[in-house]
Amino acid sequence: MLTNKSSYFLQLTKRFKKAATANSVILGILLAIVGGFLDAYTYISRNGVFANAQSGNIVLLGVKAAQGQWTEAFLHIPPIVAFILGVAVTETFKQPRFVSVLPDTSRIVLLLEIVVLIIVGFLPSSVPNMNMLVTVTISFVAALQVSSFRTLIKWSYNTTMTTGNLRTASQAAYYAIFKRDENAAYQCLRFTAIILSFLSGALLGSISTFTLGTKAVWLASAILFLAFVILNSESQKSL
């Protein structure tokens, strides 16, 4: 009886990995959960600054500057700069001289995120300037993630922000409803899953941060570890 259950669990795990890696939807869902989680986490526990949503930081920068609250306005500048640097680093890794040494940077990015978030969980919010260091660090690794994972099946998408995903899902829904386009319906369902995953991540991040404090970020690290296992299993199969 135990052997049958173990065999069933093994088959179920293999099917999950195959579904997760064949079209990257499951991987995208996990990364979107982390994207929503981290924004909620940094906003609640790290002085109301977003780590991923740079649009939000730019808006808040303008609002605080207009109100003459220059200290608060400055808090939103470093994450924006860190995000820009993260994108630049990712693009540098794509250059031929680096590709020959690091052919698959996606797994390295996930490992880096996992390690960074584990360390972040140990950093208290009570220490002066610690929140800024944490937010800047998360913004940097978020940029690495969004620049490394940009394709959902065959469409461009974003794992750390949801505005573009919402536009794509809405456009696909229009063609699915009014044009009877089956491919558009397929696309709409996939992007809706990513959007809902981002929302779920924000809810999980909010609840866990209120409950666990700064250590809540370890949950995001655990989710990334699952994503790494899925990605690594596919890479091993392709060898």
C-alpha atoms as a PDB file:
ATOM      1  CA  MET A   1       0.000   0.000   0.000  1.00  0.00           C
ATOM      2  CA  LEU A   2       2.817   2.359   0.917  1.00  0.00           C
ATOM      3  CA  THR A   3       4.655   1.480  -2.292  1.00  0.00           C
ATOM      4  CA  ASN A   4       1.589   2.307  -4.369  1.00  0.00           C
ATOM      5  CA  LYS A   5       1.222   5.664  -2.642  1.00  0.00           C
ATOM      6  CA  SER A   6       4.913   6.442  -3.150  1.00  0.00           C
ATOM      7  CA  SER A   7       4.646   5.520  -6.818  1.00  0.00           C
ATOM      8  CA  TYR A   8       1.580   7.726  -7.243  1.00  0.00           C
ATOM      9  CA  PHE A   9       3.320  10.652  -5.528  1.00  0.00           C
ATOM     10  CA  LEU A  10       6.394  10.217  -7.742  1.00  0.00           C
ATOM     11  CA  GLN A  11       4.283  10.192 -10.898  1.00  0.00           C
ATOM     12  CA  LEU A  12       2.383  13.256  -9.710  1.00  0.00           C
ATOM     13  CA  THR A  13       5.644  15.083  -9.018  1.00  0.00           C
ATOM     14  CA  LYS A  14       6.985  14.229 -12.475  1.00  0.00           C
ATOM     15  CA  ARG A  15       3.799  15.498 -14.109  1.00  0.00           C
ATOM     16  CA  PHE A  16       4.008  18.703 -12.102  1.00  0.00           C
ATOM     17  CA  LYS A  17       7.599  19.293 -13.179  1.00  0.00           C
ATOM     18  CA  LYS A  18       6.769  18.560 -16.811  1.00  0.00           C
ATOM     19  CA  ALA A  19       3.811  20.951 -16.795  1.00  0.00           C
ATOM     20  CA  ALA A  20       5.827  23.546 -14.924  1.00  0.00           C
ATOM     21  CA  THR A  21       8.802  23.533 -17.231  1.00  0.00           C
ATOM     22  CA  ALA A  22       7.285  22.820 -20.640  1.00  0.00           C
ATOM     23  CA  ASN A  23       5.623  26.211 -20.923  1.00  0.00           C
ATOM     24  CA  SER A  24       6.921  28.015 -17.810  1.00  0.00           C
ATOM     25  CA  VAL A  25       3.445  28.918 -16.567  1.00  0.00           C
ATOM     26  CA  ILE A  26       4.009  27.349 -13.141  1.00  0.00           C
ATOM     27  CA  LEU A  27       7.414  29.011 -12.940  1.00  0.00           C
ATOM     28  CA  GLY A  28       5.822  32.327 -13.900  1.00  0.00           C
ATOM     29  CA  ILE A  29       3.160  31.869 -11.230  1.00  0.00           C
ATOM     30  CA  LEU A  30       5.773  31.272  -8.528  1.00  0.00           C
ATOM     31  CA  LEU A  31       7.834  34.277  -9.587  1.00  0.00           C
ATOM     32  CA  ALA A  32       4.736  36.493  -9.720  1.00  0.00           C
ATOM     33  CA  ILE A  33       3.802  35.413  -6.186  1.00  0.00           C
ATOM     34  CA  VAL A  34       7.254  36.496  -5.032  1.00  0.00           C
ATOM     35  CA  GLY A  35       6.923  39.773  -6.947  1.00  0.00           C
ATOM     36  CA  GLY A  36       3.705  40.711  -5.163  1.00  0.00           C
ATOM     37  CA  PHE A  37       5.055  39.435  -1.852  1.00  0.00           C
ATOM     38  CA  LEU A  38       8.184  41.586  -1.921  1.00  0.00           C
ATOM     39  CA  ASP A  39       6.333  44.793  -2.751  1.00  0.00           C
ATOM     40  CA  ALA A  40       3.943  44.239   0.155  1.00  0.00           C
ATOM     41  CA  TYR A  41       6.832  43.271   2.431  1.00  0.00           C
ATOM     42  CA  THR A  42       8.989  46.325   1.765  1.00  0.00           C
ATOM     43  CA  TYR A  43       6.023  48.713   1.810  1.00  0.00           C
ATOM     44  CA  ILE A  44       4.809  47.458   5.200  1.00  0.00           C
ATOM     45  CA  SER A  45       8.086  46.751   7.004  1.00  0.00           C
ATOM     46  CA  ARG A  46      10.594  49.014   5.248  1.00  0.00           C
ATOM     47  CA  ASN A  47       9.327  52.602   5.448  1.00  0.00           C
ATOM     48  CA  GLY A  48       6.602  52.466   2.771  1.00  0.00           C
ATOM     49  CA  VAL A  49       9.005  52.072  -0.153  1.00  0.00           C
ATOM     50  CA  PHE A  50       8.364  49.645  -3.008  1.00  0.00           C
ATOM     51  CA  ALA A  51      11.106  47.226  -4.031  1.00  0.00           C
ATOM     52  CA  ASN A  52       9.651  46.131  -7.376  1.00  0.00           C
ATOM     53  CA  ALA A  53       7.062  48.700  -8.426  1.00  0.00           C
ATOM     54  CA  GLN A  54       9.297  51.510  -9.604  1.00  0.00           C
ATOM     55  CA  SER A  55       6.266  53.304 -11.071  1.00  0.00           C
ATOM     56  CA  GLY A  56       4.984  53.595  -7.518  1.00  0.00           C
ATOM     57  CA  ASN A  57       8.334  54.892  -6.317  1.00  0.00           C
ATOM     58  CA  ILE A  58       8.466  57.494  -9.076  1.00  0.00           C
ATOM     59  CA  VAL A  59       4.911  58.653  -8.283  1.00  0.00           C
ATOM     60  CA  LEU A  60       5.641  58.851  -4.554  1.00  0.00           C
ATOM     61  CA  LEU A  61       8.881  60.690  -5.313  1.00  0.00           C
ATOM     62  CA  GLY A  62       6.906  63.315  -7.215  1.00  0.00           C
ATOM     63  CA  VAL A  63       4.200  63.562  -4.533  1.00  0.00           C
ATOM     64  CA  LYS A  64       6.658  63.963  -1.669  1.00  0.00           C
ATOM     65  CA  ALA A  65       8.742  66.474  -3.632  1.00  0.00           C
ATOM     66  CA  ALA A  66       5.623  68.512  -4.433  1.00  0.00           C
ATOM     67  CA  GLN A  67       4.788  68.559  -0.727  1.00  0.00           C
ATOM     68  CA  GLY A  68       8.286  69.694   0.142  1.00  0.00           C
ATOM     69  CA  GLN A  69       8.971  66.491   2.084  1.00  0.00           C
ATOM     70  CA  TRP A  70      12.476  66.096   0.716  1.00  0.00           C
ATOM     71  CA  THR A  71      13.656  63.469   3.196  1.00  0.00           C
ATOM     72  CA  GLU A  72      10.720  61.193   2.359  1.00  0.00           C
ATOM     73  CA  ALA A  73      11.160  61.912  -1.348  1.00  0.00           C
ATOM     74  CA  PHE A  74      14.818  60.870  -1.214  1.00  0.00           C
ATOM     75  CA  LEU A  75      13.869  57.435   0.140  1.00  0.00           C
ATOM     76  CA  HIS A  76      12.355  56.546  -3.243  1.00  0.00           C
ATOM     77  CA  ILE A  77      15.442  57.410  -5.299  1.00  0.00           C
ATOM     78  CA  PRO A  78      17.930  54.654  -4.285  1.00  0.00           C
ATOM     79  CA  PRO A  79      15.561  51.760  -5.191  1.00  0.00           C
ATOM     80  CA  ILE A  80      15.051  53.273  -8.640  1.00  0.00           C
ATOM     81  CA  VAL A  81      18.822  53.562  -9.158  1.00  0.00           C
ATOM     82  CA  ALA A  82      19.349  50.004  -7.863  1.00  0.00           C
ATOM     83  CA  PHE A  83      16.734  48.705 -10.291  1.00  0.00           C
ATOM     84  CA  ILE A  84      18.466  50.439 -13.213  1.00  0.00           C
ATOM     85  CA  LEU A  85      21.789  48.934 -12.178  1.00  0.00           C
ATOM     86  CA  GLY A  86      20.204  45.476 -11.929  1.00  0.00           C
ATOM     87  CA  VAL A  87      18.926  45.719 -15.495  1.00  0.00           C
ATOM     88  CA  ALA A  88      22.353  46.894 -16.667  1.00  0.00           C
ATOM     89  CA  VAL A  89      24.065  43.950 -14.959  1.00  0.00           C
ATOM     90  CA  THR A  90      21.650  41.475 -16.568  1.00  0.00           C
ATOM     91  CA  GLU A  91      22.261  42.927 -20.012  1.00  0.00           C
ATOM     92  CA  THR A  92      26.011  42.739 -19.397  1.00  0.00           C
ATOM     93  CA  PHE A  93      25.698  39.025 -18.622  1.00  0.00           C
ATOM     94  CA  LYS A  94      24.074  38.540 -22.042  1.00  0.00           C
ATOM     95  CA  GLN A  95      27.168  39.764 -23.875  1.00  0.00           C
ATOM     96  CA  PRO A  96      29.112  37.028 -25.746  1.00  0.00           C
ATOM     97  CA  ARG A  97      32.172  37.167 -23.482  1.00  0.00           C
ATOM     98  CA  PHE A  98      30.003  36.404 -20.449  1.00  0.00           C
ATOM     99  CA  VAL A  99      27.693  33.896 -22.131  1.00  0.00           C
ATOM    100  CA  SER A 100      30.642  31.627 -22.804  1.00  0.00           C
ATOM    101  CA  VAL A 101      31.374  31.530 -19.066  1.00  0.00           C
ATOM    102  CA  LEU A 102      27.804  31.771 -17.735  1.00  0.00           C
ATOM    103  CA  PRO A 103      25.548  30.152 -20.355  1.00  0.00           C
ATOM    104  CA  ASP A 104      22.533  29.982 -18.029  1.00  0.00           C
ATOM    105  CA  THR A 105      22.203  33.019 -15.769  1.00  0.00           C
ATOM    106  CA  SER A 106      18.575  32.333 -14.817  1.00  0.00           C
ATOM    107  CA  ARG A 107      19.506  29.757 -12.189  1.00  0.00           C
ATOM    108  CA  ILE A 108      22.237  32.025 -10.849  1.00  0.00           C
ATOM    109  CA  VAL A 109      19.690  34.833 -10.520  1.00  0.00           C
ATOM    110  CA  LEU A 110      17.312  32.624  -8.529  1.00  0.00           C
ATOM    111  CA  LEU A 111      20.089  31.428  -6.239  1.00  0.00           C
ATOM    112  CA  LEU A 112      21.217  35.014  -5.674  1.00  0.00           C
ATOM    113  CA  GLU A 113      17.669  36.059  -4.812  1.00  0.00           C
ATOM    114  CA  ILE A 114      17.264  33.168  -2.398  1.00  0.00           C
ATOM    115  CA  VAL A 115      20.503  33.995  -0.551  1.00  0.00           C
ATOM    116  CA  VAL A 116      19.769  37.735  -0.460  1.00  0.00           C
ATOM    117  CA  LEU A 117      16.267  37.235   0.964  1.00  0.00           C
ATOM    118  CA  ILE A 118      17.541  34.854   3.621  1.00  0.00           C
ATOM    119  CA  ILE A 119      20.057  37.489   4.715  1.00  0.00           C
ATOM    120  CA  VAL A 120      17.399  40.229   4.590  1.00  0.00           C
ATOM    121  CA  GLY A 121      15.286  38.301   7.082  1.00  0.00           C
ATOM    122  CA  PHE A 122      18.048  38.676   9.675  1.00  0.00           C
ATOM    123  CA  LEU A 123      18.291  42.462   9.273  1.00  0.00           C
ATOM    124  CA  PRO A 124      16.140  44.312  11.838  1.00  0.00           C
ATOM    125  CA  SER A 125      14.066  47.310  10.800  1.00  0.00           C
ATOM    126  CA  SER A 126      14.991  49.161  14.000  1.00  0.00           C
ATOM    127  CA  VAL A 127      18.598  49.830  12.931  1.00  0.00           C
ATOM    128  CA  PRO A 128      19.064  53.272  11.286  1.00  0.00           C
ATOM    129  CA  ASN A 129      19.401  53.143   7.477  1.00  0.00           C
ATOM    130  CA  MET A 130      18.864  49.375   7.494  1.00  0.00           C
ATOM    131  CA  ASN A 131      15.513  49.654   5.719  1.00  0.00           C
ATOM    132  CA  MET A 132      17.093  51.607   2.887  1.00  0.00           C
ATOM    133  CA  LEU A 133      19.823  48.997   2.471  1.00  0.00           C
ATOM    134  CA  VAL A 134      17.224  46.209   2.366  1.00  0.00           C
ATOM    135  CA  THR A 135      14.984  47.962  -0.150  1.00  0.00           C
ATOM    136  CA  VAL A 136      17.880  48.827  -2.435  1.00  0.00           C
ATOM    137  CA  THR A 137      19.161  45.252  -2.318  1.00  0.00           C
ATOM    138  CA  ILE A 138      15.748  43.778  -3.100  1.00  0.00           C
ATOM    139  CA  SER A 139      15.238  46.280  -5.922  1.00  0.00           C
ATOM    140  CA  PHE A 140      18.524  45.168  -7.450  1.00  0.00           C
ATOM    141  CA  VAL A 141      17.703  41.440  -7.386  1.00  0.00           C
ATOM    142  CA  ALA A 142      14.147  42.186  -8.565  1.00  0.00           C
ATOM    143  CA  ALA A 143      15.643  43.851 -11.628  1.00  0.00           C
ATOM    144  CA  LEU A 144      17.751  40.750 -12.228  1.00  0.00           C
ATOM    145  CA  GLN A 145      14.613  38.614 -12.033  1.00  0.00           C
ATOM    146  CA  VAL A 146      12.447  40.725 -14.305  1.00  0.00           C
ATOM    147  CA  SER A 147      15.249  40.970 -16.871  1.00  0.00           C
ATOM    148  CA  SER A 148      15.990  37.226 -16.781  1.00  0.00           C
ATOM    149  CA  PHE A 149      12.420  35.893 -16.921  1.00  0.00           C
ATOM    150  CA  ARG A 150      10.606  37.841 -19.610  1.00  0.00           C
ATOM    151  CA  THR A 151       8.696  35.232 -21.616  1.00  0.00           C
ATOM    152  CA  LEU A 152       5.525  33.366 -20.678  1.00  0.00           C
ATOM    153  CA  ILE A 153       5.205  30.562 -23.255  1.00  0.00           C
ATOM    154  CA  LYS A 154       5.709  32.886 -26.258  1.00  0.00           C
ATOM    155  CA  TRP A 155       4.556  36.253 -24.901  1.00  0.00           C
ATOM    156  CA  SER A 156       6.434  38.974 -23.067  1.00  0.00           C
ATOM    157  CA  TYR A 157       5.361  39.426 -19.459  1.00  0.00           C
ATOM    158  CA  ASN A 158       6.564  40.755 -16.117  1.00  0.00           C
ATOM    159  CA  THR A 159       6.982  38.835 -12.867  1.00  0.00           C
ATOM    160  CA  THR A 160       7.523  41.813 -10.560  1.00  0.00           C
ATOM    161  CA  MET A 161       4.910  44.291 -11.818  1.00  0.00           C
ATOM    162  CA  THR A 162       1.422  43.713 -13.134  1.00  0.00           C
ATOM    163  CA  THR A 163       0.296  46.725 -15.202  1.00  0.00           C
ATOM    164  CA  GLY A 164       1.610  45.343 -18.498  1.00  0.00           C
ATOM    165  CA  ASN A 165       0.218  41.895 -17.706  1.00  0.00           C
ATOM    166  CA  LEU A 166      -3.190  43.420 -17.028  1.00  0.00           C
ATOM    167  CA  ARG A 167      -3.137  45.232 -20.363  1.00  0.00           C
ATOM    168  CA  THR A 168      -2.210  42.036 -22.197  1.00  0.00           C
ATOM    169  CA  ALA A 169      -4.907  40.023 -20.421  1.00  0.00           C
ATOM    170  CA  SER A 170      -7.532  42.693 -21.161  1.00  0.00           C
ATOM    171  CA  GLN A 171      -6.566  42.857 -24.832  1.00  0.00           C
ATOM    172  CA  ALA A 172      -6.659  39.069 -25.107  1.00  0.00           C
ATOM    173  CA  ALA A 173     -10.053  38.957 -23.379  1.00  0.00           C
ATOM    174  CA  TYR A 174     -11.432  41.423 -25.923  1.00  0.00           C
ATOM    175  CA  TYR A 175     -10.349  39.287 -28.885  1.00  0.00           C
ATOM    176  CA  ALA A 176     -11.531  36.120 -27.158  1.00  0.00           C
ATOM    177  CA  ILE A 177     -15.023  37.511 -26.492  1.00  0.00           C
ATOM    178  CA  PHE A 178     -15.695  39.631 -29.547  1.00  0.00           C
ATOM    179  CA  LYS A 179     -13.544  37.877 -32.165  1.00  0.00           C
ATOM    180  CA  ARG A 180     -13.985  34.310 -30.912  1.00  0.00           C
ATOM    181  CA  ASP A 181     -10.208  33.914 -30.959  1.00  0.00           C
ATOM    182  CA  GLU A 182      -9.239  30.699 -29.168  1.00  0.00           C
ATOM    183  CA  ASN A 183      -5.566  31.626 -28.977  1.00  0.00           C
ATOM    184  CA  ALA A 184      -6.506  34.903 -27.340  1.00  0.00           C
ATOM    185  CA  ALA A 185      -8.623  33.039 -24.792  1.00  0.00           C
ATOM    186  CA  TYR A 186      -5.661  30.777 -24.052  1.00  0.00           C
ATOM    187  CA  GLN A 187      -3.428  33.818 -23.586  1.00  0.00           C
ATOM    188  CA  CYS A 188      -5.990  35.577 -21.397  1.00  0.00           C
ATOM    189  CA  LEU A 189      -6.256  32.612 -19.036  1.00  0.00           C
ATOM    190  CA  ARG A 190      -2.474  32.362 -18.654  1.00  0.00           C
ATOM    191  CA  PHE A 191      -2.015  36.060 -17.958  1.00  0.00           C
ATOM    192  CA  THR A 192      -4.966  36.083 -15.578  1.00  0.00           C
ATOM    193  CA  ALA A 193      -3.214  33.324 -13.636  1.00  0.00           C
ATOM    194  CA  ILE A 194      -0.087  35.493 -13.403  1.00  0.00           C
ATOM    195  CA  ILE A 195      -2.086  38.534 -12.270  1.00  0.00           C
ATOM    196  CA  LEU A 196      -3.957  36.569  -9.614  1.00  0.00           C
ATOM    197  CA  SER A 197      -0.665  35.063  -8.471  1.00  0.00           C
ATOM    198  CA  PHE A 198       0.790  38.550  -8.038  1.00  0.00           C
ATOM    199  CA  LEU A 199      -2.279  39.532  -6.005  1.00  0.00           C
ATOM    200  CA  SER A 200      -1.997  36.355  -3.939  1.00  0.00           C
ATOM    201  CA  GLY A 201       1.649  37.171  -3.282  1.00  0.00           C
ATOM    202  CA  ALA A 202       0.722  40.663  -2.091  1.00  0.00           C
ATOM    203  CA  LEU A 203      -1.905  39.193   0.255  1.00  0.00           C
ATOM    204  CA  LEU A 204       0.507  36.565   1.562  1.00  0.00           C
ATOM    205  CA  GLY A 205       3.248  39.150   1.947  1.00  0.00           C
ATOM    206  CA  SER A 206       0.957  41.505   3.865  1.00  0.00           C
ATOM    207  CA  ILE A 207      -0.454  38.889   6.236  1.00  0.00           C
ATOM    208  CA  SER A 208       2.899  37.230   6.923  1.00  0.00           C
ATOM    209  CA  THR A 209       4.683  40.559   7.431  1.00  0.00           C
ATOM    210  CA  PHE A 210       2.075  41.719   9.942  1.00  0.00           C
ATOM    211  CA  THR A 211       2.432  38.360  11.687  1.00  0.00           C
ATOM    212  CA  LEU A 212       6.135  37.536  11.422  1.00  0.00           C
ATOM    213  CA  GLY A 213       7.704  40.937  10.873  1.00  0.00           C
ATOM    214  CA  THR A 214      10.901  41.218   8.825  1.00  0.00           C
ATOM    215  CA  LYS A 215      11.455  37.440   8.912  1.00  0.00           C
ATOM    216  CA  ALA A 216       8.380  36.968   6.712  1.00  0.00           C
ATOM    217  CA  VAL A 217      10.658  37.400   3.693  1.00  0.00           C
ATOM    218  CA  TRP A 218      11.903  33.843   4.276  1.00  0.00           C
ATOM    219  CA  LEU A 219       8.591  32.628   2.856  1.00  0.00           C
ATOM    220  CA  ALA A 220       9.437  34.365  -0.424  1.00  0.00           C
ATOM    221  CA  SER A 221      12.855  32.721  -0.319  1.00  0.00           C
ATOM    222  CA  ALA A 222      11.188  29.306   0.069  1.00  0.00           C
ATOM    223  CA  ILE A 223       8.965  29.962  -2.953  1.00  0.00           C
ATOM    224  CA  LEU A 224      12.015  30.948  -4.995  1.00  0.00           C
ATOM    225  CA  PHE A 225      13.737  27.744  -3.931  1.00  0.00           C
ATOM    226  CA  LEU A 226      10.793  25.771  -5.333  1.00  0.00           C
ATOM    227  CA  ALA A 227      11.101  27.769  -8.566  1.00  0.00           C
ATOM    228  CA  PHE A 228      14.821  26.965  -8.666  1.00  0.00           C
ATOM    229  CA  VAL A 229      14.140  23.230  -8.240  1.00  0.00           C
ATOM    230  CA  ILE A 230      11.653  23.327 -11.111  1.00  0.00           C
ATOM    231  CA  LEU A 231      13.993  25.290 -13.371  1.00  0.00           C
ATOM    232  CA  ASN A 232      16.971  23.126 -12.492  1.00  0.00           C
ATOM    233  CA  SER A 233      15.067  19.901 -13.219  1.00  0.00           C
ATOM    234  CA  GLU A 234      14.288  21.146 -16.723  1.00  0.00           C
ATOM    235  CA  SER A 235      17.890  22.191 -17.290  1.00  0.00           C
ATOM    236  CA  GLN A 236      19.121  18.733 -16.258  1.00  0.00           C
ATOM    237  CA  LYS A 237      16.676  17.049 -18.661  1.00  0.00           C
ATOM    238  CA  SER A 238      17.957  19.147 -21.557  1.00  0.00           C
ATOM    239  CA  LEU A 239      21.584  18.083 -21.020  1.00  0.00           C
END
